[in-house]
Amino acid sequence: MPEGTPEDKKDAVEEAPAVKYLSVSQLNRSVKELINSEPGLQGVWVLGEFSNLRPVSSGHCYPTLKDEESEIGCVIWARTLRQLSVRPEEGMKVLVYGDVDVYERKGRYQLVVRDVRKFGVGDLYARMEALKAKLRKEGLFDRKRPLPEFPRVVGLVTSDTGAAVQDMIRVISRRFPIARMILVPVLVQGAEAAEDIAAGIQEMNSLREPRPDVMIVGRGGGNIEDLWAFNEEVVARAIFASDIPVISAVGHETDFTIADLVADLRAATPSEAAEKAVPDKEALLGQIDGTQEALFKMMTDAIQSLEQGLDDEALQLEGAMGELLVSGSRDIDHVAEMLESLGPRKVLKRGYAIVTREGETVSSVAMLHPKDDVEIIVTDGKAGAEIHEVKRVRTV
């Protein structure tokens, strides 16, 4: 093959002296390490608008965050997506918190999202944290009063429309039908809601007959703006000033407000608040049945013990009476013997005689005169006699 052909030139290039180079993977990895080591690109807040919100089968989400002039790709891992307090929506203007990273395989930098807040909410969070610190310092979060065990009247401070009030009425009616409910309808959302809720709490405390034993203050779920009235200072102070114990029931289980911190008890939902406000009649009936059985057993045991004791005492009395009768019989026999020994028959047997005149026992010579007929009674019979002489013997 002639010199200077293209094949020769190719070999010349391949055999050229080695130069320092990076593979594409190495380059992307270096950029990734550089970005990851830059503090200013980790834990940053970025303002933009979501688009291309399409979760994939893995549960992860790869939206685009954009403004009027630019955009950046994002990744929201499935675990993070489940824990977000704000559900991302197409076109939603948001503050995104996360770390700048590089997807090495595509050589593309992106934002790994760790939190999402609707734009404008950041100021609300800051206000809430400042108020929490203030009220905590004043001790408004420390008082937790016990709830009445068997409330006669339950106060409800909430909207008179919507599912929340119906859920509470349904649960209380089912669990403890004898409880009376008093509703003070209030606004639970909007600029005037906080003042209205505070006024409702005060109105509930002003009731005298019937006076509520416990009060539920709350509403159904919503975003932070919807629930914001329950983060206002006027509501917090009204709850703290309440003479009636307060159960807070604001939003869903993951929602948490300042009202929850001040209340005597926090419930995750309005339905749970109703459950905590009153006892369960079925459980009470079960306790009553158990108590009745225990009392019946106690009474039965006591009666049986008493009967056994009476039986024991009767046996002891019977034995004592028997002994007494035997002893009494012996005493009677002894007395009878003594009486018999002193009786006239015993006396006659000892050689004595009984003299009678006209049927009357002669006990003195003064009763006799000469020529009187008398009868002499001895142990084995009697004999007639006539008195010949009466002589009185002087006794000393």
Foldseek 3Di string as FASTA:
>chain_A
DDPPDPVVVVVCVVPPDDDDDDDLLRVLVVVQVVQVPDVVQFFDKDKFFWAPFDQDPQQKTWIWGDDPPDIFIEIEHNVLCVVELDRHDHGFTWIFTFGWGAPSVVSGIHTYTNYIDGPPCVVVVVVLVVVLVVVVVVVLLPDADDADAAWQEEEEEEAPDDDLVVLLVVLLCQFPVNHHYDYDHADQADDCRLVRSLVSLVVLQPDVVVRTQAYEYEDEADHCRRRVSQSDPSNSVSQSPHPHQYEYAYYAQPDDHSNCSNGNHYDRHSNRSSPVNYGGVVVVVVVVVVVVVVVVVVVVVVVVVVVVVVVVVVVVVVVVVVVVVVVVVVVVVVVVVVVVCVDPLVVLVVVDKWKDAPNHTDPALVVDDFQGWIWIGHNPGIDIDTHHDGDHDDDD
